[in-house]
């Protein structure tokens, strides 16, 4: 589902806040594990997402469990946002930093993924998506996926340079899974 809120407004919906922080991620500086399930140029994303998941779980005091698969991994909103910022915003330049704001609340998770690129015309892209233009049959996975989801909310601000995401733990979005237990120290 696409909406339009600032990162701060999204975090208020995920309240009460447990933790917030901002990461500056330079893909070329991220240590990539020898084995990961991403394409070689995206190994940094796999490593960063693992680190981010552990920090979120520590803030929550429990594991994400099944919720993890709705946030992280190929074709999931946060991964698509990181990928789009890297590919479209930075032209696959691994030396350009991305800024990721993270908010962890008792009610949900919020993220803002910012790139330094030129941005894009969000209204025009959404119009093309709504009209079923051919591009969205072979590409535009992140925008199309987010538009079709009801377990996450997302929108672009700052001229298309920032993707804001909101995952709620109750209501139509994410729900905690009983028995997920405490967070692991992994």
N, C-alpha and C. Protein backbone atom coordinates (compact mmCIF):
# COMPACT_ATOMS: atom_id res chain seq x y z
N UNK A 1 0.84 -1.16 0.00
CA UNK A 1 0.00 0.00 0.00
C UNK A 1 0.90 1.24 0.00
N UNK A 2 0.60 2.17 -0.87
CA UNK A 2 1.36 3.41 -0.93
C UNK A 2 0.61 4.50 -0.17
N UNK A 3 1.33 5.27 0.59
CA UNK A 3 0.78 6.36 1.38
C UNK A 3 1.75 7.52 1.27
N UNK A 4 1.60 8.54 2.10
CA UNK A 4 2.58 9.63 2.08
C UNK A 4 2.72 10.22 3.47
N UNK A 5 3.78 9.82 4.16
CA UNK A 5 4.11 10.33 5.48
C UNK A 5 5.61 10.56 5.56
N UNK A 6 6.02 11.42 6.48
CA UNK A 6 7.45 11.57 6.74
C UNK A 6 7.90 10.41 7.61
N UNK A 7 9.22 10.25 7.73
CA UNK A 7 9.77 9.22 8.61
C UNK A 7 9.28 9.42 10.04
N UNK A 8 9.29 10.65 10.51
CA UNK A 8 8.87 10.95 11.89
C UNK A 8 7.40 10.58 12.10
N UNK A 9 6.54 10.89 11.11
CA UNK A 9 5.13 10.53 11.22
C UNK A 9 4.95 9.01 11.21
N UNK A 10 5.71 8.32 10.38
CA UNK A 10 5.64 6.86 10.34
C UNK A 10 6.03 6.28 11.70
N UNK A 11 7.11 6.81 12.28
CA UNK A 11 7.56 6.31 13.58
C UNK A 11 6.53 6.56 14.68
N UNK A 12 5.81 7.66 14.60
CA UNK A 12 4.75 7.91 15.59
C UNK A 12 3.68 6.84 15.52
N UNK A 13 3.41 6.33 14.32
CA UNK A 13 2.42 5.25 14.18
C UNK A 13 2.93 3.93 14.76
N UNK A 14 4.24 3.78 14.85
CA UNK A 14 4.85 2.55 15.39
C UNK A 14 5.14 2.68 16.88
N UNK A 15 4.70 3.76 17.49
CA UNK A 15 4.99 4.07 18.90
C UNK A 15 4.35 3.07 19.85
N UNK A 16 4.83 3.04 21.09
CA UNK A 16 5.87 3.89 21.65
C UNK A 16 7.25 3.46 21.18
N UNK A 17 8.11 4.44 21.03
CA UNK A 17 9.46 4.21 20.49
C UNK A 17 10.33 3.45 21.48
N UNK A 18 11.07 2.50 20.96
CA UNK A 18 12.07 1.76 21.75
C UNK A 18 13.48 2.19 21.38
N UNK A 19 13.68 2.53 20.10
CA UNK A 19 15.01 2.94 19.64
C UNK A 19 14.90 3.56 18.25
N UNK A 20 15.77 4.53 17.97
CA UNK A 20 15.92 5.08 16.63
C UNK A 20 17.40 5.30 16.38
N UNK A 21 17.82 5.17 15.15
CA UNK A 21 19.19 5.44 14.80
C UNK A 21 19.29 5.67 13.30
N UNK A 22 20.42 6.21 12.89
CA UNK A 22 20.70 6.44 11.47
C UNK A 22 22.01 5.75 11.13
N UNK A 23 21.98 4.96 10.07
CA UNK A 23 23.17 4.29 9.56
C UNK A 23 23.60 4.97 8.27
N UNK A 24 24.89 5.12 8.10
CA UNK A 24 25.48 5.57 6.85
C UNK A 24 26.17 4.34 6.28
N UNK A 25 25.65 3.83 5.17
CA UNK A 25 26.15 2.58 4.61
C UNK A 25 26.83 2.86 3.27
N UNK A 26 28.11 2.53 3.20
CA UNK A 26 28.87 2.60 1.95
C UNK A 26 29.04 1.16 1.49
N UNK A 27 28.34 0.75 0.43
CA UNK A 27 28.40 -0.66 0.02
C UNK A 27 29.81 -1.23 -0.09
N UNK A 28 30.76 -0.46 -0.62
CA UNK A 28 32.13 -0.97 -0.78
C UNK A 28 32.82 -1.24 0.55
N UNK A 29 32.31 -0.67 1.64
CA UNK A 29 32.94 -0.84 2.95
C UNK A 29 32.28 -1.91 3.81
N UNK A 30 31.22 -2.53 3.31
CA UNK A 30 30.52 -3.56 4.07
C UNK A 30 31.20 -4.90 3.84
N UNK A 31 31.59 -5.56 4.92
CA UNK A 31 32.22 -6.89 4.83
C UNK A 31 31.16 -7.90 4.38
N UNK A 32 31.41 -8.52 3.26
CA UNK A 32 30.45 -9.45 2.67
C UNK A 32 30.83 -10.88 3.05
N UNK A 33 29.88 -11.65 3.60
CA UNK A 33 30.19 -13.04 3.94
C UNK A 33 30.46 -13.86 2.67
N UNK A 34 31.24 -14.91 2.82
CA UNK A 34 31.58 -15.75 1.67
C UNK A 34 30.34 -16.38 1.04
N UNK A 35 29.37 -16.69 1.87
CA UNK A 35 28.14 -17.27 1.34
C UNK A 35 26.97 -16.34 1.65
N UNK A 36 26.23 -16.02 0.62
CA UNK A 36 25.01 -15.24 0.76
C UNK A 36 24.14 -15.56 -0.45
N UNK A 37 22.86 -15.24 -0.35
CA UNK A 37 21.93 -15.62 -1.41
C UNK A 37 21.58 -14.46 -2.35
N UNK A 38 22.40 -13.41 -2.37
CA UNK A 38 22.18 -12.28 -3.25
C UNK A 38 23.16 -12.35 -4.42
N UNK A 39 22.87 -11.63 -5.49
CA UNK A 39 23.81 -11.52 -6.61
C UNK A 39 25.09 -10.88 -6.08
N UNK A 40 26.24 -11.18 -6.67
CA UNK A 40 27.52 -10.69 -6.15
C UNK A 40 27.57 -9.19 -5.84
N UNK A 41 27.03 -8.37 -6.71
CA UNK A 41 27.08 -6.92 -6.49
C UNK A 41 26.22 -6.47 -5.31
N UNK A 42 25.37 -7.38 -4.82
CA UNK A 42 24.45 -7.03 -3.73
C UNK A 42 24.76 -7.76 -2.42
N UNK A 43 25.93 -8.38 -2.35
CA UNK A 43 26.32 -9.06 -1.11
C UNK A 43 26.33 -8.12 0.08
N UNK A 44 26.66 -6.87 -0.15
CA UNK A 44 26.66 -5.87 0.93
C UNK A 44 25.27 -5.76 1.56
N UNK A 45 24.22 -5.88 0.73
CA UNK A 45 22.85 -5.78 1.26
C UNK A 45 22.56 -6.93 2.22
N UNK A 46 22.96 -8.12 1.82
CA UNK A 46 22.74 -9.29 2.68
C UNK A 46 23.42 -9.07 4.04
N UNK A 47 24.66 -8.64 4.01
CA UNK A 47 25.41 -8.43 5.26
C UNK A 47 24.77 -7.30 6.09
N UNK A 48 24.41 -6.21 5.45
CA UNK A 48 23.80 -5.10 6.18
C UNK A 48 22.45 -5.51 6.78
N UNK A 49 21.64 -6.21 6.02
CA UNK A 49 20.33 -6.64 6.52
C UNK A 49 20.46 -7.56 7.73
N UNK A 50 21.44 -8.45 7.72
CA UNK A 50 21.66 -9.34 8.88
C UNK A 50 22.01 -8.52 10.11
N UNK A 51 22.92 -7.56 9.92
CA UNK A 51 23.32 -6.70 11.03
C UNK A 51 22.12 -5.88 11.54
N UNK A 52 21.36 -5.35 10.62
CA UNK A 52 20.19 -4.54 10.98
C UNK A 52 19.15 -5.37 11.72
N UNK A 53 18.90 -6.59 11.24
CA UNK A 53 17.94 -7.47 11.92
C UNK A 53 18.35 -7.72 13.36
N UNK A 54 19.63 -7.98 13.60
CA UNK A 54 20.11 -8.22 14.97
C UNK A 54 19.90 -6.99 15.86
N UNK A 55 20.16 -5.81 15.33
CA UNK A 55 19.97 -4.58 16.11
C UNK A 55 18.49 -4.36 16.42
N UNK A 56 17.62 -4.63 15.46
CA UNK A 56 16.18 -4.47 15.67
C UNK A 56 15.71 -5.46 16.74
N UNK A 57 16.14 -6.70 16.63
CA UNK A 57 15.74 -7.71 17.62
C UNK A 57 16.24 -7.34 19.01
N UNK A 58 17.44 -6.79 19.11
CA UNK A 58 17.96 -6.36 20.42
C UNK A 58 17.09 -5.25 20.99
N UNK A 59 16.67 -4.32 20.15
CA UNK A 59 15.81 -3.22 20.62
C UNK A 59 14.44 -3.73 21.04
N UNK A 60 13.91 -4.70 20.31
CA UNK A 60 12.59 -5.28 20.64
C UNK A 60 12.66 -6.21 21.84
N UNK A 61 13.83 -6.81 22.06
CA UNK A 61 13.96 -7.79 23.13
C UNK A 61 13.37 -9.14 22.76
N UNK A 62 13.20 -9.37 21.48
CA UNK A 62 12.67 -10.65 20.98
C UNK A 62 13.04 -10.81 19.52
N UNK A 63 12.93 -12.03 19.04
CA UNK A 63 13.20 -12.31 17.63
C UNK A 63 12.07 -11.78 16.76
N UNK A 64 12.38 -11.45 15.53
CA UNK A 64 11.35 -11.05 14.57
C UNK A 64 10.57 -12.25 14.08
N UNK A 65 11.20 -13.42 14.06
CA UNK A 65 10.51 -14.62 13.61
C UNK A 65 10.01 -14.47 12.18
N UNK A 66 8.76 -14.85 11.95
CA UNK A 66 8.17 -14.81 10.61
C UNK A 66 8.10 -13.38 10.07
N UNK A 67 8.09 -12.39 10.93
CA UNK A 67 8.05 -11.00 10.47
C UNK A 67 9.29 -10.65 9.66
N UNK A 68 10.39 -11.31 9.96
CA UNK A 68 11.64 -11.05 9.24
C UNK A 68 11.46 -11.21 7.74
N UNK A 69 10.70 -12.24 7.33
CA UNK A 69 10.51 -12.51 5.91
C UNK A 69 9.60 -11.49 5.23
N UNK A 70 8.91 -10.67 5.99
CA UNK A 70 8.07 -9.62 5.40
C UNK A 70 8.83 -8.30 5.26
N UNK A 71 10.01 -8.21 5.86
CA UNK A 71 10.79 -6.98 5.83
C UNK A 71 12.06 -7.17 5.00
N UNK A 72 12.79 -8.25 5.27
CA UNK A 72 14.11 -8.48 4.68
C UNK A 72 14.08 -9.57 3.63
N UNK A 73 15.04 -9.51 2.71
CA UNK A 73 15.23 -10.57 1.73
C UNK A 73 14.77 -10.13 0.35
N UNK A 74 15.17 -10.90 -0.66
CA UNK A 74 14.83 -10.56 -2.04
C UNK A 74 13.33 -10.30 -2.20
N UNK A 75 12.99 -9.26 -2.91
CA UNK A 75 11.62 -8.84 -3.23
C UNK A 75 10.85 -8.27 -2.04
N UNK A 76 11.49 -8.11 -0.89
CA UNK A 76 10.81 -7.51 0.25
C UNK A 76 11.07 -6.00 0.26
N UNK A 77 10.19 -5.23 0.88
CA UNK A 77 10.26 -3.77 0.75
C UNK A 77 11.59 -3.12 1.14
N UNK A 78 12.18 -3.50 2.25
CA UNK A 78 13.42 -2.85 2.64
C UNK A 78 14.54 -3.20 1.66
N UNK A 79 14.62 -4.46 1.27
CA UNK A 79 15.64 -4.89 0.32
C UNK A 79 15.46 -4.19 -1.02
N UNK A 80 14.22 -4.08 -1.49
CA UNK A 80 13.95 -3.38 -2.74
C UNK A 80 14.34 -1.91 -2.63
N UNK A 81 14.07 -1.30 -1.46
CA UNK A 81 14.45 0.10 -1.26
C UNK A 81 15.95 0.30 -1.30
N UNK A 82 16.69 -0.58 -0.64
CA UNK A 82 18.15 -0.50 -0.66
C UNK A 82 18.68 -0.71 -2.08
N UNK A 83 18.12 -1.70 -2.76
CA UNK A 83 18.55 -2.00 -4.12
C UNK A 83 18.26 -0.83 -5.06
N UNK A 84 17.06 -0.26 -4.97
CA UNK A 84 16.71 0.86 -5.84
C UNK A 84 17.60 2.07 -5.59
N UNK A 85 17.89 2.35 -4.33
CA UNK A 85 18.77 3.48 -4.02
C UNK A 85 20.17 3.25 -4.60
N UNK A 86 20.66 2.02 -4.48
CA UNK A 86 21.98 1.67 -4.99
C UNK A 86 22.01 1.73 -6.52
N UNK A 87 21.02 1.13 -7.17
CA UNK A 87 21.00 1.03 -8.63
C UNK A 87 20.59 2.34 -9.28
N UNK A 88 19.42 2.85 -8.93
CA UNK A 88 18.88 4.02 -9.61
C UNK A 88 19.42 5.33 -9.05
N UNK A 89 19.52 5.43 -7.74
CA UNK A 89 20.01 6.66 -7.13
C UNK A 89 21.50 6.86 -7.29
N UNK A 90 22.25 5.76 -7.19
CA UNK A 90 23.71 5.87 -7.21
C UNK A 90 24.37 5.20 -8.40
N UNK A 91 23.59 4.75 -9.35
CA UNK A 91 24.17 4.15 -10.55
C UNK A 91 25.11 2.99 -10.28
N UNK A 92 24.82 2.22 -9.24
CA UNK A 92 25.62 1.06 -8.81
C UNK A 92 27.03 1.44 -8.36
N UNK A 93 27.21 2.67 -7.93
CA UNK A 93 28.52 3.11 -7.43
C UNK A 93 28.66 2.66 -5.98
N UNK A 94 29.51 1.65 -5.70
CA UNK A 94 29.62 1.12 -4.34
C UNK A 94 30.32 2.07 -3.37
N UNK A 95 30.85 3.19 -3.86
CA UNK A 95 31.51 4.14 -2.98
C UNK A 95 30.60 5.25 -2.48
N UNK A 96 29.39 5.32 -3.00
CA UNK A 96 28.46 6.38 -2.57
C UNK A 96 27.64 5.88 -1.38
N UNK A 97 27.59 6.68 -0.32
CA UNK A 97 26.87 6.24 0.89
C UNK A 97 25.36 6.39 0.78
N UNK A 98 24.68 5.42 1.37
CA UNK A 98 23.23 5.48 1.57
C UNK A 98 23.01 5.84 3.03
N UNK A 99 21.92 6.52 3.30
CA UNK A 99 21.56 6.82 4.68
C UNK A 99 20.27 6.08 5.00
N UNK A 100 20.29 5.30 6.06
CA UNK A 100 19.12 4.53 6.47
C UNK A 100 18.75 4.93 7.88
N UNK A 101 17.56 5.48 8.03
CA UNK A 101 17.03 5.78 9.36
C UNK A 101 16.16 4.61 9.78
N UNK A 102 16.26 4.24 11.04
CA UNK A 102 15.53 3.09 11.56
C UNK A 102 14.80 3.51 12.83
N UNK A 103 13.55 3.13 12.91
CA UNK A 103 12.77 3.35 14.12
C UNK A 103 12.15 2.03 14.55
N UNK A 104 12.36 1.68 15.80
CA UNK A 104 11.80 0.45 16.35
C UNK A 104 10.84 0.88 17.45
N UNK A 105 9.59 0.46 17.32
CA UNK A 105 8.60 0.80 18.33
C UNK A 105 7.86 -0.44 18.78
N UNK A 106 7.14 -0.33 19.85
CA UNK A 106 6.31 -1.46 20.29
C UNK A 106 5.22 -1.77 19.27
N UNK A 107 4.83 -0.75 18.49
CA UNK A 107 3.77 -0.94 17.50
C UNK A 107 4.24 -1.31 16.12
N UNK A 108 5.57 -1.22 15.85
CA UNK A 108 6.05 -1.58 14.52
C UNK A 108 7.44 -1.05 14.23
N UNK A 109 7.80 -1.12 12.96
CA UNK A 109 9.12 -0.69 12.49
C UNK A 109 8.94 0.37 11.41
N UNK A 110 9.84 1.35 11.39
CA UNK A 110 9.82 2.34 10.31
C UNK A 110 11.24 2.54 9.81
N UNK A 111 11.34 2.83 8.52
CA UNK A 111 12.63 3.01 7.87
C UNK A 111 12.54 4.17 6.89
N UNK A 112 13.67 4.83 6.67
CA UNK A 112 13.82 5.79 5.57
C UNK A 112 15.13 5.45 4.89
N UNK A 113 15.08 5.19 3.59
CA UNK A 113 16.27 4.88 2.80
C UNK A 113 16.50 6.07 1.87
N UNK A 114 17.62 6.77 2.08
CA UNK A 114 17.94 7.98 1.30
C UNK A 114 19.15 7.75 0.42
N UNK A 115 19.03 8.21 -0.83
CA UNK A 115 20.19 8.18 -1.73
C UNK A 115 20.56 9.60 -2.10
N UNK A 116 21.66 9.75 -2.82
CA UNK A 116 22.16 11.06 -3.23
C UNK A 116 21.90 11.31 -4.71
N UNK A 117 21.04 10.51 -5.30
CA UNK A 117 20.79 10.62 -6.73
C UNK A 117 19.87 11.78 -7.08
N UNK A 118 19.49 11.85 -8.36
CA UNK A 118 18.67 12.95 -8.84
C UNK A 118 17.19 12.84 -8.46
N UNK A 119 16.79 11.69 -7.95
CA UNK A 119 15.37 11.48 -7.63
C UNK A 119 14.59 11.14 -8.89
N UNK A 120 13.27 11.11 -8.77
CA UNK A 120 12.42 10.83 -9.92
C UNK A 120 11.05 11.43 -9.67
N UNK A 121 10.27 11.52 -10.72
CA UNK A 121 8.92 12.07 -10.63
C UNK A 121 8.00 10.96 -10.12
N UNK A 122 7.72 11.00 -8.83
CA UNK A 122 6.94 9.94 -8.18
C UNK A 122 5.54 9.86 -8.78
N UNK A 123 4.88 11.00 -8.97
CA UNK A 123 3.52 11.00 -9.51
C UNK A 123 3.48 10.37 -10.91
N UNK A 124 4.46 10.69 -11.75
CA UNK A 124 4.51 10.11 -13.09
C UNK A 124 4.74 8.61 -13.03
N UNK A 125 5.62 8.17 -12.14
CA UNK A 125 5.89 6.73 -12.01
C UNK A 125 4.63 6.00 -11.54
N UNK A 126 3.92 6.57 -10.58
CA UNK A 126 2.68 5.94 -10.09
C UNK A 126 1.61 5.92 -11.17
N UNK A 127 1.55 6.97 -11.97
CA UNK A 127 0.58 7.02 -13.07
C UNK A 127 0.88 5.90 -14.07
N UNK A 128 2.15 5.72 -14.41
CA UNK A 128 2.53 4.64 -15.33
C UNK A 128 2.18 3.28 -14.74
N UNK A 129 2.42 3.13 -13.43
CA UNK A 129 2.09 1.87 -12.77
C UNK A 129 0.58 1.62 -12.83
N UNK A 130 -0.20 2.64 -12.49
CA UNK A 130 -1.67 2.50 -12.52
C UNK A 130 -2.20 2.20 -13.91
N UNK A 131 -1.53 2.70 -14.93
CA UNK A 131 -1.97 2.48 -16.31
C UNK A 131 -1.44 1.16 -16.87
N UNK A 132 -0.62 0.44 -16.09
CA UNK A 132 -0.11 -0.86 -16.52
C UNK A 132 0.91 -0.78 -17.63
N UNK A 133 1.69 0.26 -17.66
CA UNK A 133 2.70 0.42 -18.70
C UNK A 133 3.66 -0.77 -18.71
N UNK A 134 4.19 -1.07 -19.86
CA UNK A 134 5.03 -2.25 -20.08
C UNK A 134 6.22 -2.34 -19.14
N UNK A 135 6.81 -1.21 -18.77
CA UNK A 135 7.98 -1.22 -17.88
C UNK A 135 7.72 -2.04 -16.62
N UNK A 136 6.53 -1.93 -16.07
CA UNK A 136 6.21 -2.60 -14.81
C UNK A 136 5.91 -4.10 -14.98
N UNK A 137 5.98 -4.58 -16.21
CA UNK A 137 5.84 -6.03 -16.43
C UNK A 137 7.21 -6.71 -16.35
N UNK A 138 8.29 -5.94 -16.53
CA UNK A 138 9.62 -6.53 -16.51
C UNK A 138 10.55 -5.89 -15.48
N UNK A 139 10.18 -4.74 -14.95
CA UNK A 139 11.02 -4.03 -13.98
C UNK A 139 10.10 -3.26 -13.03
N UNK A 140 10.69 -2.39 -12.22
CA UNK A 140 9.88 -1.63 -11.27
C UNK A 140 9.33 -2.51 -10.16
N UNK A 141 10.08 -3.58 -9.82
CA UNK A 141 9.59 -4.55 -8.83
C UNK A 141 9.26 -3.91 -7.49
N UNK A 142 10.12 -3.01 -7.02
CA UNK A 142 9.91 -2.41 -5.71
C UNK A 142 8.64 -1.60 -5.65
N UNK A 143 8.44 -0.72 -6.60
CA UNK A 143 7.25 0.12 -6.61
C UNK A 143 5.99 -0.71 -6.82
N UNK A 144 6.03 -1.65 -7.76
CA UNK A 144 4.87 -2.50 -8.02
C UNK A 144 4.53 -3.35 -6.79
N UNK A 145 5.54 -3.94 -6.18
CA UNK A 145 5.32 -4.78 -5.00
C UNK A 145 4.73 -3.97 -3.85
N UNK A 146 5.27 -2.81 -3.61
CA UNK A 146 4.79 -1.98 -2.51
C UNK A 146 3.35 -1.52 -2.77
N UNK A 147 3.04 -1.22 -4.00
CA UNK A 147 1.70 -0.77 -4.39
C UNK A 147 0.66 -1.87 -4.13
N UNK A 148 1.08 -3.13 -4.25
CA UNK A 148 0.15 -4.26 -4.14
C UNK A 148 0.05 -4.84 -2.74
N UNK A 149 0.90 -4.43 -1.82
CA UNK A 149 0.96 -5.04 -0.49
C UNK A 149 -0.04 -4.42 0.47
N UNK A 150 -0.49 -5.23 1.43
CA UNK A 150 -1.29 -4.67 2.52
C UNK A 150 -0.62 -4.91 3.88
N UNK A 151 0.58 -5.50 3.86
CA UNK A 151 1.30 -5.74 5.12
C UNK A 151 2.39 -4.71 5.36
N UNK A 152 2.50 -3.72 4.47
CA UNK A 152 3.49 -2.65 4.62
C UNK A 152 2.95 -1.40 3.96
N UNK A 153 3.41 -0.27 4.45
CA UNK A 153 3.07 1.00 3.81
C UNK A 153 4.37 1.65 3.40
N UNK A 154 4.37 2.30 2.26
CA UNK A 154 5.57 2.95 1.80
C UNK A 154 5.26 4.10 0.88
N UNK A 155 6.17 5.03 0.81
CA UNK A 155 6.00 6.20 -0.03
C UNK A 155 7.35 6.85 -0.25
N UNK A 156 7.42 7.63 -1.32
CA UNK A 156 8.64 8.34 -1.66
C UNK A 156 8.45 9.82 -1.34
N UNK A 157 9.46 10.40 -0.73
CA UNK A 157 9.47 11.83 -0.42
C UNK A 157 10.78 12.41 -0.94
N UNK A 158 10.96 13.70 -0.76
CA UNK A 158 12.22 14.36 -1.15
C UNK A 158 12.50 14.17 -2.64
N UNK A 159 11.47 14.36 -3.46
CA UNK A 159 11.66 14.24 -4.91
C UNK A 159 12.03 12.85 -5.37
N UNK A 160 11.61 11.84 -4.64
CA UNK A 160 11.91 10.46 -5.02
C UNK A 160 13.26 9.97 -4.53
N UNK A 161 13.96 10.75 -3.71
CA UNK A 161 15.27 10.33 -3.21
C UNK A 161 15.18 9.58 -1.88
N UNK A 162 14.02 9.58 -1.26
CA UNK A 162 13.86 8.90 0.03
C UNK A 162 12.63 8.01 -0.01
N UNK A 163 12.82 6.75 0.35
CA UNK A 163 11.71 5.81 0.51
C UNK A 163 11.46 5.65 2.00
N UNK A 164 10.23 5.90 2.42
CA UNK A 164 9.83 5.71 3.82
C UNK A 164 8.96 4.46 3.87
N UNK A 165 9.25 3.58 4.83
CA UNK A 165 8.52 2.33 4.99
C UNK A 165 7.98 2.22 6.41
N UNK A 166 6.80 1.63 6.54
CA UNK A 166 6.19 1.40 7.84
C UNK A 166 5.62 -0.01 7.87
N UNK A 167 6.00 -0.75 8.89
CA UNK A 167 5.48 -2.10 9.14
C UNK A 167 4.86 -2.07 10.53
N UNK A 168 3.57 -2.30 10.63
CA UNK A 168 2.91 -2.29 11.94
C UNK A 168 2.77 -3.71 12.45
N UNK A 169 2.84 -3.86 13.77
CA UNK A 169 2.71 -5.18 14.38
C UNK A 169 1.26 -5.59 14.60
N UNK A 170 0.31 -4.70 14.37
CA UNK A 170 -1.10 -5.02 14.56
C UNK A 170 -1.88 -4.43 13.40
N UNK A 171 -3.13 -4.82 13.28
CA UNK A 171 -3.94 -4.30 12.19
C UNK A 171 -3.63 -5.03 10.90
N UNK A 172 -3.80 -4.36 9.76
CA UNK A 172 -3.62 -5.04 8.48
C UNK A 172 -2.17 -5.29 8.12
N UNK A 173 -1.25 -4.73 8.87
CA UNK A 173 0.17 -4.93 8.55
C UNK A 173 0.73 -6.06 9.39
N UNK A 174 2.01 -6.01 9.69
CA UNK A 174 2.69 -7.11 10.36
C UNK A 174 2.08 -7.46 11.71
N UNK A 175 2.07 -8.73 12.01
CA UNK A 175 1.57 -9.20 13.30
C UNK A 175 2.66 -10.06 13.95
N UNK A 176 2.87 -9.90 15.27
CA UNK A 176 3.85 -10.76 15.93
C UNK A 176 3.42 -12.22 15.86
N UNK A 177 4.36 -13.08 15.79
CA UNK A 177 4.07 -14.50 15.74
C UNK A 177 4.23 -15.08 17.14
N UNK A 178 3.17 -15.71 17.69
CA UNK A 178 3.29 -16.28 19.03
C UNK A 178 4.45 -17.27 19.09
N UNK A 179 5.18 -17.24 20.19
CA UNK A 179 6.26 -18.18 20.40
C UNK A 179 7.57 -17.81 19.73
N UNK A 180 7.69 -16.57 19.21
CA UNK A 180 8.94 -16.18 18.57
C UNK A 180 10.07 -16.11 19.56
N UNK A 181 9.76 -15.94 20.83
CA UNK A 181 10.79 -15.98 21.88
C UNK A 181 11.70 -14.78 21.90
N UNK A 182 12.67 -14.80 22.84
CA UNK A 182 13.58 -13.68 22.98
C UNK A 182 14.55 -13.57 21.80
N UNK A 183 15.09 -12.38 21.63
CA UNK A 183 16.06 -12.14 20.56
C UNK A 183 17.32 -12.96 20.79
N UNK A 184 17.91 -13.41 19.70
CA UNK A 184 19.16 -14.17 19.81
C UNK A 184 20.33 -13.22 19.79
N UNK A 185 21.43 -13.63 20.35
CA UNK A 185 22.66 -12.83 20.35
C UNK A 185 23.44 -13.01 19.07
N UNK A 186 23.10 -14.00 18.27
CA UNK A 186 23.73 -14.38 17.00
C UNK A 186 24.87 -13.52 16.58
